[in-house]
N, C-alpha and C. Protein backbone atom coordinates (compact mmCIF):
# COMPACT_ATOMS: atom_id res chain seq x y z
N MET A 1 151.96 82.12 85.39
CA MET A 1 153.28 82.51 86.10
C MET A 1 153.40 82.48 87.57
N SER A 2 154.09 81.72 88.36
CA SER A 2 153.76 82.11 89.62
C SER A 2 154.01 83.32 90.31
N ASP A 3 153.69 83.67 91.57
CA ASP A 3 154.03 84.80 92.25
C ASP A 3 155.45 85.07 92.26
N THR A 4 156.19 83.99 92.72
CA THR A 4 157.59 83.77 92.97
C THR A 4 158.31 84.35 91.77
N ALA A 5 157.92 83.56 90.45
CA ALA A 5 158.63 84.32 89.21
C ALA A 5 158.34 85.82 88.99
N LYS A 6 157.10 86.18 89.29
CA LYS A 6 156.87 87.68 89.33
C LYS A 6 157.66 88.43 90.15
N ASP A 7 157.89 87.96 91.52
CA ASP A 7 158.69 88.67 92.45
C ASP A 7 160.01 88.71 91.80
N LYS A 8 160.52 87.74 91.16
CA LYS A 8 161.95 87.68 90.72
C LYS A 8 162.35 88.83 89.70
N TRP A 9 161.19 88.79 88.81
CA TRP A 9 161.23 89.92 87.74
C TRP A 9 161.13 91.19 88.32
N VAL A 10 160.41 91.55 89.21
CA VAL A 10 160.13 92.80 89.79
C VAL A 10 161.32 93.25 90.51
N ASN A 11 161.82 92.19 91.35
CA ASN A 11 163.11 92.71 92.12
C ASN A 11 164.26 93.11 91.12
N LEU A 12 164.16 92.11 90.01
CA LEU A 12 165.61 92.77 89.05
C LEU A 12 165.24 93.90 88.50
N LEU A 13 163.90 94.25 87.97
CA LEU A 13 163.40 95.28 87.26
C LEU A 13 163.99 96.80 88.56
N LEU A 14 163.43 96.64 89.66
CA LEU A 14 163.85 97.80 90.75
C LEU A 14 165.18 97.63 90.92
N ASN A 15 165.87 96.58 91.06
CA ASN A 15 167.39 96.65 91.78
C ASN A 15 168.52 96.36 90.96
N ASN A 16 168.31 95.96 89.82
CA ASN A 16 169.23 95.59 88.84
C ASN A 16 168.98 95.33 87.46
N LYS A 17 168.66 96.66 86.82
CA LYS A 17 168.09 96.74 85.50
C LYS A 17 168.96 96.19 84.41
N ASP A 18 170.41 96.11 84.66
CA ASP A 18 171.13 95.51 83.55
C ASP A 18 170.83 93.89 83.50
N GLU A 19 170.80 93.31 84.55
CA GLU A 19 170.36 91.69 84.75
C GLU A 19 168.88 91.61 84.11
N PHE A 20 168.15 92.45 84.59
CA PHE A 20 166.65 92.46 84.05
C PHE A 20 166.87 92.53 82.59
N ASN A 21 167.47 93.42 81.89
CA ASN A 21 167.41 93.60 80.43
C ASN A 21 168.06 92.37 79.76
N LYS A 22 169.08 91.68 80.59
CA LYS A 22 169.89 90.51 79.70
C LYS A 22 169.19 89.28 80.04
N GLU A 23 168.29 88.99 81.24
CA GLU A 23 167.38 87.84 81.28
C GLU A 23 166.45 87.95 80.60
N LYS A 24 165.72 89.38 80.20
CA LYS A 24 164.54 89.49 79.73
C LYS A 24 164.83 88.95 77.92
N HIS A 25 165.95 89.51 77.44
CA HIS A 25 166.43 88.96 76.14
C HIS A 25 166.34 87.58 75.89
N GLU A 26 166.75 87.12 76.85
CA GLU A 26 167.03 85.33 76.95
C GLU A 26 165.66 84.73 76.96
N HIS A 27 164.54 85.51 77.36
CA HIS A 27 163.61 84.68 77.59
C HIS A 27 162.44 85.12 76.36
N SER A 28 162.06 84.01 75.67
CA SER A 28 161.39 84.31 74.55
C SER A 28 159.95 84.43 74.49
N ASP A 29 159.46 84.08 75.62
CA ASP A 29 157.92 84.18 75.80
C ASP A 29 157.46 85.58 76.23
N ILE A 30 156.33 85.99 76.13
CA ILE A 30 155.57 87.13 76.85
C ILE A 30 155.89 87.05 78.38
N ILE A 31 156.61 88.13 78.93
CA ILE A 31 156.43 87.93 80.75
C ILE A 31 155.24 88.54 81.05
N ASP A 32 154.66 87.59 81.89
CA ASP A 32 153.40 87.99 82.59
C ASP A 32 153.74 88.67 83.97
N LEU A 33 153.38 90.07 84.02
CA LEU A 33 153.65 90.85 85.28
C LEU A 33 152.14 91.33 85.48
N SER A 34 150.97 90.51 85.14
CA SER A 34 149.95 91.07 85.42
C SER A 34 149.64 91.30 86.91
N GLU A 35 148.81 92.42 87.40
CA GLU A 35 148.45 92.73 88.61
C GLU A 35 149.57 92.92 89.55
N VAL A 36 150.68 93.50 89.08
CA VAL A 36 151.77 93.84 89.93
C VAL A 36 151.77 95.20 90.48
N GLU A 37 152.33 95.42 91.52
CA GLU A 37 152.04 96.88 92.04
C GLU A 37 153.77 97.48 91.92
N LEU A 38 153.89 98.49 91.20
CA LEU A 38 155.10 99.04 91.22
C LEU A 38 155.02 100.62 91.32
N THR A 39 154.60 100.82 92.65
CA THR A 39 153.89 102.28 92.93
C THR A 39 155.09 103.22 93.24
N ASN A 40 155.28 104.39 92.90
CA ASN A 40 156.07 105.39 93.52
C ASN A 40 157.53 105.08 93.70
N CYS A 41 158.06 104.61 92.29
CA CYS A 41 159.28 104.12 91.63
C CYS A 41 160.03 104.90 90.54
N GLU A 42 161.07 104.63 90.74
CA GLU A 42 161.85 105.52 89.40
C GLU A 42 162.35 104.33 88.65
N ILE A 43 162.10 104.40 87.21
CA ILE A 43 162.34 103.14 86.26
C ILE A 43 162.94 103.98 85.01
N SER A 44 164.31 103.51 84.69
CA SER A 44 164.72 104.12 83.66
C SER A 44 165.58 103.14 82.66
N ASP A 45 165.61 103.39 81.31
CA ASP A 45 166.66 102.63 80.63
C ASP A 45 166.71 101.10 80.49
N VAL A 46 165.20 100.86 80.69
CA VAL A 46 165.07 99.41 80.70
C VAL A 46 163.93 99.11 79.53
N ASP A 47 164.09 97.87 79.21
CA ASP A 47 163.32 97.38 78.14
C ASP A 47 162.25 96.42 78.43
N LEU A 48 160.96 97.03 78.57
CA LEU A 48 159.60 96.58 79.03
C LEU A 48 158.70 96.10 77.90
N SER A 49 159.26 95.81 76.89
CA SER A 49 158.60 95.69 75.55
C SER A 49 158.08 94.15 75.72
N ASN A 50 156.96 93.88 75.10
CA ASN A 50 156.38 92.35 74.79
C ASN A 50 156.10 91.71 76.24
N MET A 51 155.35 92.71 77.00
CA MET A 51 155.11 92.27 78.40
C MET A 51 153.63 92.08 78.55
N ASP A 52 152.92 91.45 79.58
CA ASP A 52 151.49 91.66 80.08
C ASP A 52 151.74 92.24 81.41
N PHE A 53 151.28 93.49 81.43
CA PHE A 53 151.00 94.23 82.81
C PHE A 53 149.51 94.57 82.99
N THR A 54 148.81 93.75 82.45
CA THR A 54 147.31 93.90 82.71
C THR A 54 146.92 93.84 84.12
N GLY A 55 146.29 95.18 84.43
CA GLY A 55 145.63 95.14 85.79
C GLY A 55 146.68 95.72 86.82
N SER A 56 147.97 96.11 86.28
CA SER A 56 148.83 96.45 87.26
C SER A 56 148.90 97.89 87.71
N SER A 57 149.43 98.29 88.84
CA SER A 57 149.44 99.66 89.06
C SER A 57 150.97 100.10 89.36
N PHE A 58 151.11 101.52 88.84
CA PHE A 58 152.23 101.98 88.62
C PHE A 58 152.07 103.67 89.22
N SER A 59 151.15 103.86 89.88
CA SER A 59 150.82 105.24 90.37
C SER A 59 152.35 106.20 91.14
N GLU A 60 152.23 107.30 90.58
CA GLU A 60 153.65 108.07 91.31
C GLU A 60 154.86 107.61 90.60
N THR A 61 155.02 106.60 89.70
CA THR A 61 156.06 106.21 89.24
C THR A 61 156.92 107.22 88.23
N GLN A 62 158.15 107.10 88.13
CA GLN A 62 158.75 108.09 87.14
C GLN A 62 159.58 106.98 86.18
N PHE A 63 159.20 107.47 84.74
CA PHE A 63 159.62 106.29 84.01
C PHE A 63 160.46 107.40 82.85
N THR A 64 161.89 107.15 82.51
CA THR A 64 162.51 107.75 81.72
C THR A 64 163.34 106.74 80.66
N ASN A 65 163.14 107.03 79.40
CA ASN A 65 163.62 106.07 78.51
C ASN A 65 163.42 104.76 78.61
N VAL A 66 162.12 104.26 78.65
CA VAL A 66 161.56 103.01 78.81
C VAL A 66 160.99 102.70 77.45
N ASN A 67 161.25 101.42 77.23
CA ASN A 67 160.48 100.71 75.91
C ASN A 67 159.62 99.84 76.30
N PHE A 68 158.32 100.42 76.06
CA PHE A 68 157.09 99.63 76.43
C PHE A 68 156.37 99.06 75.17
N SER A 69 157.03 98.98 74.04
CA SER A 69 156.35 98.41 72.76
C SER A 69 155.82 97.20 72.77
N ASP A 70 154.85 96.68 72.05
CA ASP A 70 154.07 95.65 72.34
C ASP A 70 153.55 95.08 73.59
N THR A 71 153.42 95.86 74.45
CA THR A 71 153.05 95.52 75.95
C THR A 71 151.58 96.00 76.18
N ASP A 72 151.03 95.13 76.91
CA ASP A 72 149.46 95.21 77.23
C ASP A 72 149.29 95.61 78.65
N PHE A 73 148.72 96.94 78.51
CA PHE A 73 148.54 97.70 79.78
C PHE A 73 146.86 97.95 80.08
N THR A 74 146.12 96.82 79.61
CA THR A 74 144.71 97.01 79.85
C THR A 74 144.50 97.19 81.57
N SER A 75 143.71 98.14 81.80
CA SER A 75 143.25 98.33 82.96
C SER A 75 144.41 99.00 84.02
N SER A 76 145.47 99.34 83.62
CA SER A 76 146.53 99.55 84.36
C SER A 76 146.41 101.11 84.89
N ASP A 77 147.21 101.11 86.16
CA ASP A 77 146.94 102.63 86.96
C ASP A 77 148.12 103.29 86.72
N PHE A 78 148.17 104.44 85.94
CA PHE A 78 149.49 105.19 85.75
C PHE A 78 148.98 106.60 86.24
N THR A 79 148.17 106.54 87.29
CA THR A 79 147.86 107.99 87.61
C THR A 79 148.93 108.53 88.52
N ARG A 80 149.15 109.94 88.30
CA ARG A 80 150.23 110.93 88.85
C ARG A 80 151.57 110.18 88.31
N CYS A 81 151.61 109.81 87.25
CA CYS A 81 153.24 108.95 86.66
C CYS A 81 153.90 110.20 85.85
N ARG A 82 155.02 110.21 85.86
CA ARG A 82 155.81 111.05 84.72
C ARG A 82 156.56 110.14 83.65
N PHE A 83 156.36 110.26 82.54
CA PHE A 83 157.04 109.63 81.37
C PHE A 83 157.93 110.59 80.67
N VAL A 84 158.89 110.31 80.26
CA VAL A 84 159.91 111.34 79.50
C VAL A 84 160.57 110.26 78.75
N GLU A 85 160.42 110.55 77.38
CA GLU A 85 161.31 109.76 76.29
C GLU A 85 160.96 108.37 76.15
N CYS A 86 159.50 107.85 76.30
CA CYS A 86 159.27 106.55 76.36
C CYS A 86 158.74 106.22 74.91
N ASP A 87 158.81 104.62 74.60
CA ASP A 87 158.16 104.45 73.51
C ASP A 87 157.05 103.36 73.66
N PHE A 88 155.72 103.70 73.42
CA PHE A 88 154.43 103.34 73.60
C PHE A 88 154.03 102.55 72.31
N THR A 89 154.89 102.27 71.22
CA THR A 89 154.66 101.63 69.75
C THR A 89 153.74 100.32 70.06
N ASN A 90 152.61 100.51 69.32
CA ASN A 90 151.95 98.94 69.58
C ASN A 90 151.47 98.66 71.11
N THR A 91 151.43 99.41 71.87
CA THR A 91 150.81 99.04 73.08
C THR A 91 149.49 98.99 72.99
N THR A 92 148.67 98.21 73.94
CA THR A 92 147.39 98.13 74.34
C THR A 92 146.98 98.84 75.50
N LEU A 93 146.32 99.86 75.57
CA LEU A 93 146.00 100.69 76.75
C LEU A 93 144.55 100.68 76.97
N TYR A 94 143.78 99.85 76.89
CA TYR A 94 142.14 99.62 76.79
C TYR A 94 142.01 100.18 78.41
N GLY A 95 141.51 101.29 78.68
CA GLY A 95 141.20 101.26 80.17
C GLY A 95 142.37 101.81 80.95
N ALA A 96 143.45 102.14 80.48
CA ALA A 96 144.62 102.51 81.37
C ALA A 96 144.33 103.69 81.73
N ASP A 97 144.65 104.22 83.01
CA ASP A 97 144.14 105.48 83.73
C ASP A 97 145.56 106.52 83.72
N PHE A 98 145.66 107.41 82.90
CA PHE A 98 146.72 108.24 83.01
C PHE A 98 146.54 109.54 83.72
N SER A 99 145.58 109.39 84.45
CA SER A 99 144.92 110.92 85.27
C SER A 99 145.97 111.49 86.01
N TYR A 100 146.04 112.69 85.72
CA TYR A 100 147.10 113.69 86.61
C TYR A 100 148.69 113.38 86.40
N SER A 101 149.03 112.62 85.15
CA SER A 101 150.21 112.03 84.72
C SER A 101 150.85 113.20 83.86
N GLU A 102 152.20 113.33 83.65
CA GLU A 102 152.96 114.19 82.64
C GLU A 102 153.49 113.22 81.61
N ILE A 103 153.26 113.48 80.34
CA ILE A 103 153.74 112.55 79.38
C ILE A 103 154.53 113.50 78.39
N HIS A 104 155.72 113.14 78.39
CA HIS A 104 156.73 114.28 77.54
C HIS A 104 157.70 113.63 76.59
N TYR A 105 157.69 113.69 75.34
CA TYR A 105 158.40 113.49 74.24
C TYR A 105 158.25 111.73 74.30
N CYS A 106 156.88 111.33 74.23
CA CYS A 106 156.99 110.00 74.22
C CYS A 106 156.09 109.74 72.55
N ASN A 107 156.29 108.46 72.22
CA ASN A 107 155.78 108.19 70.72
C ASN A 107 154.70 106.95 71.31
N PHE A 108 153.46 107.32 70.85
CA PHE A 108 152.24 106.29 70.82
C PHE A 108 151.78 105.96 69.45
N GLN A 109 152.87 105.38 68.71
CA GLN A 109 152.44 105.11 67.24
C GLN A 109 151.89 103.54 67.30
N ASP A 110 150.70 103.51 66.69
CA ASP A 110 149.82 102.31 66.70
C ASP A 110 149.48 101.87 68.34
N ALA A 111 149.64 102.53 69.07
CA ALA A 111 149.19 102.39 70.49
C ALA A 111 147.65 102.44 70.44
N ASP A 112 146.73 101.21 71.11
CA ASP A 112 145.45 101.63 70.91
C ASP A 112 144.94 102.22 72.19
N MET A 113 144.44 103.37 72.25
CA MET A 113 144.23 104.42 73.26
C MET A 113 142.66 104.14 73.70
N ALA A 114 141.76 103.11 73.17
CA ALA A 114 140.34 103.02 73.43
C ALA A 114 140.03 102.72 74.89
N GLY A 115 139.51 103.90 75.56
CA GLY A 115 139.14 103.67 77.01
C GLY A 115 139.91 104.12 77.76
N ALA A 116 141.14 104.60 77.40
CA ALA A 116 142.25 105.17 78.06
C ALA A 116 141.81 106.54 78.75
N ILE A 117 142.17 106.74 80.07
CA ILE A 117 141.67 107.91 80.94
C ILE A 117 142.84 108.84 80.94
N LEU A 118 142.58 110.07 80.47
CA LEU A 118 143.64 111.07 80.33
C LEU A 118 143.21 112.24 81.18
N ASN A 119 142.34 112.31 81.97
CA ASN A 119 142.01 113.40 83.11
C ASN A 119 143.02 114.19 83.45
N GLU A 120 143.19 115.45 83.22
CA GLU A 120 143.99 116.29 83.95
C GLU A 120 145.62 116.04 83.52
N ALA A 121 145.76 115.41 82.63
CA ALA A 121 146.88 114.83 81.87
C ALA A 121 147.85 116.11 81.10
N ASN A 122 149.20 116.19 81.35
CA ASN A 122 149.83 116.94 80.45
C ASN A 122 150.63 116.16 79.52
N LEU A 123 150.13 116.51 78.32
CA LEU A 123 150.53 115.31 77.01
C LEU A 123 151.68 116.25 76.13
N GLU A 124 152.11 117.46 76.69
CA GLU A 124 152.81 118.16 75.75
C GLU A 124 154.02 117.65 75.30
N GLU A 125 154.25 117.68 73.87
CA GLU A 125 155.48 117.33 73.19
C GLU A 125 155.54 116.02 72.94
N THR A 126 154.31 114.89 73.13
CA THR A 126 154.30 113.93 72.98
C THR A 126 153.68 113.57 71.45
N ASP A 127 153.62 112.40 70.92
CA ASP A 127 153.42 112.31 69.45
C ASP A 127 152.20 111.02 69.54
N PHE A 128 151.04 111.57 69.17
CA PHE A 128 149.84 110.87 68.72
C PHE A 128 149.30 110.59 67.54
N VAL A 129 150.23 110.99 66.50
CA VAL A 129 149.93 111.19 65.27
C VAL A 129 149.23 109.75 64.77
N LEU A 130 150.09 108.75 64.98
CA LEU A 130 149.58 107.48 64.44
C LEU A 130 148.91 106.57 65.55
N SER A 131 148.40 107.12 66.73
CA SER A 131 148.03 106.33 67.55
C SER A 131 146.46 105.61 67.11
N GLN A 132 145.84 104.94 67.62
CA GLN A 132 144.69 104.44 67.30
C GLN A 132 143.52 104.54 68.41
N ASN A 133 142.33 104.93 67.82
CA ASN A 133 141.09 105.23 68.77
C ASN A 133 141.57 106.37 70.01
N LEU A 134 142.36 107.35 69.75
CA LEU A 134 142.50 108.12 70.58
C LEU A 134 141.01 108.92 70.74
N SER A 135 140.31 109.29 69.77
CA SER A 135 138.81 109.60 70.02
C SER A 135 137.78 108.92 70.83
N ALA A 136 138.32 107.67 71.29
CA ALA A 136 137.80 106.89 72.02
C ALA A 136 138.43 106.69 73.66
N CYS A 137 139.21 107.94 73.89
CA CYS A 137 139.74 107.91 75.15
C CYS A 137 138.90 108.97 76.11
N ARG A 138 139.00 108.94 77.23
CA ARG A 138 138.38 109.84 78.17
C ARG A 138 139.26 111.08 78.72
N PHE A 139 138.83 112.30 78.39
CA PHE A 139 139.76 113.35 78.80
C PHE A 139 138.77 114.49 79.44
N ASP A 140 139.37 115.65 79.88
CA ASP A 140 138.63 116.75 80.27
C ASP A 140 139.22 117.99 80.18
N GLU A 141 138.54 119.07 80.38
CA GLU A 141 139.09 120.56 80.08
C GLU A 141 140.48 120.61 80.78
N GLY A 142 140.85 119.90 81.76
CA GLY A 142 142.18 119.85 82.24
C GLY A 142 143.39 119.21 81.57
N THR A 143 142.79 118.62 80.56
CA THR A 143 143.96 117.76 79.72
C THR A 143 144.73 118.58 79.06
N ILE A 144 146.12 118.73 78.99
CA ILE A 144 146.98 119.54 78.24
C ILE A 144 147.43 118.77 77.16
N TRP A 145 146.87 118.95 75.69
CA TRP A 145 147.41 118.39 74.50
C TRP A 145 148.65 118.88 73.86
N PRO A 146 149.39 118.15 73.16
CA PRO A 146 150.48 118.65 72.15
C PRO A 146 149.89 119.39 71.02
N ASP A 147 150.56 120.31 70.39
CA ASP A 147 150.28 120.93 69.15
C ASP A 147 149.47 120.18 68.35
N ALA A 148 148.53 120.70 67.38
CA ALA A 148 147.76 119.76 66.54
C ALA A 148 148.53 118.91 65.62
N ASP A 149 150.04 119.22 65.08
CA ASP A 149 150.62 118.48 64.34
C ASP A 149 151.23 117.16 64.91
N LYS A 150 150.80 117.08 66.26
CA LYS A 150 151.16 115.85 66.91
C LYS A 150 149.98 114.71 67.35
N LEU A 151 148.92 115.26 66.84
CA LEU A 151 147.64 114.73 67.06
C LEU A 151 147.21 114.24 65.83
N PRO A 152 146.15 113.12 65.84
CA PRO A 152 145.38 112.43 64.47
C PRO A 152 144.73 113.67 63.94
N GLU A 153 144.74 113.61 62.56
CA GLU A 153 144.07 114.53 61.92
C GLU A 153 142.39 114.67 62.29
N ASP A 154 141.90 113.72 62.51
CA ASP A 154 140.63 113.77 62.79
C ASP A 154 140.18 113.94 64.23
N PHE A 155 141.11 114.10 64.99
CA PHE A 155 140.96 114.07 66.58
C PHE A 155 140.57 115.59 66.94
N ASP A 156 139.48 115.65 67.83
CA ASP A 156 138.77 117.21 68.41
C ASP A 156 139.47 117.06 69.85
N SER A 157 140.22 117.76 70.11
CA SER A 157 140.74 117.84 71.71
C SER A 157 139.91 118.61 72.25
N THR A 158 138.86 119.58 71.76
CA THR A 158 137.95 120.54 72.72
C THR A 158 136.82 119.54 73.26
N TYR A 159 136.66 118.33 72.63
CA TYR A 159 135.50 117.59 73.00
C TYR A 159 135.53 116.79 74.04
N SER A 160 135.35 117.05 75.24
CA SER A 160 135.67 116.20 76.37
C SER A 160 134.32 115.63 77.08
N TYR A 161 133.37 115.63 76.26
CA TYR A 161 132.20 114.72 77.02
C TYR A 161 132.01 113.56 76.64
N ASP A 162 131.84 112.74 77.57
CA ASP A 162 131.58 111.08 77.33
C ASP A 162 130.18 110.94 77.22
N LEU A 163 129.68 109.51 77.15
CA LEU A 163 128.28 109.23 76.99
C LEU A 163 127.72 109.46 78.27
N SER A 164 128.27 109.46 79.29
CA SER A 164 127.46 109.87 80.65
C SER A 164 126.96 111.00 80.61
N SER A 165 127.73 112.10 79.92
CA SER A 165 127.12 113.49 80.09
C SER A 165 125.85 113.79 79.20
N LEU A 166 125.61 112.83 78.11
CA LEU A 166 124.38 112.88 77.45
C LEU A 166 123.19 112.90 78.12
N LYS A 167 122.23 113.84 77.65
CA LYS A 167 120.91 113.69 78.38
C LYS A 167 119.80 113.73 77.36
N ASP A 168 118.75 113.01 77.64
CA ASP A 168 117.50 113.05 76.60
C ASP A 168 116.93 114.48 76.74
N ASP A 169 116.38 114.98 75.64
CA ASP A 169 115.74 116.35 75.54
C ASP A 169 114.71 116.65 76.73
N GLU A 170 114.19 115.60 76.95
CA GLU A 170 113.08 115.64 78.03
C GLU A 170 113.56 115.98 79.35
N GLU A 171 114.69 115.58 79.67
CA GLU A 171 115.54 115.54 80.82
C GLU A 171 115.93 117.39 81.00
N ASN A 172 116.27 117.66 79.86
CA ASN A 172 116.84 119.00 79.74
C ASN A 172 115.65 119.96 80.18
N GLN A 173 114.30 119.75 79.80
CA GLN A 173 113.22 120.31 79.68
C GLN A 173 112.30 120.55 81.20
N GLY A 174 112.75 119.22 81.64
CA GLY A 174 111.76 118.86 82.97
C GLY A 174 110.58 118.42 82.70
N GLU A 175 110.27 118.07 81.71
CA GLU A 175 108.89 117.28 81.20
C GLU A 175 108.89 115.97 81.18
N SER A 176 107.60 115.32 81.36
CA SER A 176 107.48 114.01 81.52
C SER A 176 106.24 113.45 80.57
N ASP A 177 106.43 112.41 80.30
CA ASP A 177 105.27 111.71 79.35
C ASP A 177 104.03 111.29 80.26
N TYR A 178 104.38 111.26 81.55
CA TYR A 178 103.31 110.86 82.29
C TYR A 178 102.27 111.94 82.68
N MET A 179 101.11 111.77 82.89
CA MET A 179 100.04 112.76 83.09
C MET A 179 99.88 112.54 84.69
N TYR A 180 99.45 113.72 85.39
CA TYR A 180 98.89 113.52 86.71
C TYR A 180 97.58 113.68 86.93
C-alpha cells in the first residue's frame, strides 16, 4: 500500500470516523497501516479490526470503545496510552509495548501476548482469562493486574523476572573456574 493510501486512511480515522468506518466495511482486504504514527490522539467508536499496524506508534493516545479484533500489532508502541472498553479479541501483540499505559474494561480473548511489554501498566478490570501466552510477556513490580478471576488459571502475576535477570551460580558466588 502506498504512503498516499496510508495517509488517506489515517486522515479519515482522525478527522471523519463515520466515513472511515463506512469505507473500511466496503474494503474486503486487510488494510496495511504498518509503521504509521498516531501519537497523542483521541480515537473512539471506530472499527480497527482486521488491520495491519505492525511497527506503528500510538504513544500517549486515548482509545475508547475501539474494536481491534483480528489486528496485527507486532512491535507496536502503546506507551502511555489509555484504553477503555476496547476489544483485542484474536489480536497479535508480539513485542507490543504497553509500558505506563492504562487498560480498563478491555477484552483480550485469544489475544497472543507473547513478548508484550506491560511494565508499570495499570490493567485493572481487564479480562485476560482467555488470552494466549500471557506468561511470555514482560512486566515488573509496578504492573497493576486485575483480580485473579480475570487472569488465566496458570498465570503468576508475582513473577516478574525475565531471562536477562537469571545468573549462573558462579556469578552469584564470585568464583571462577580459572586458577591464577
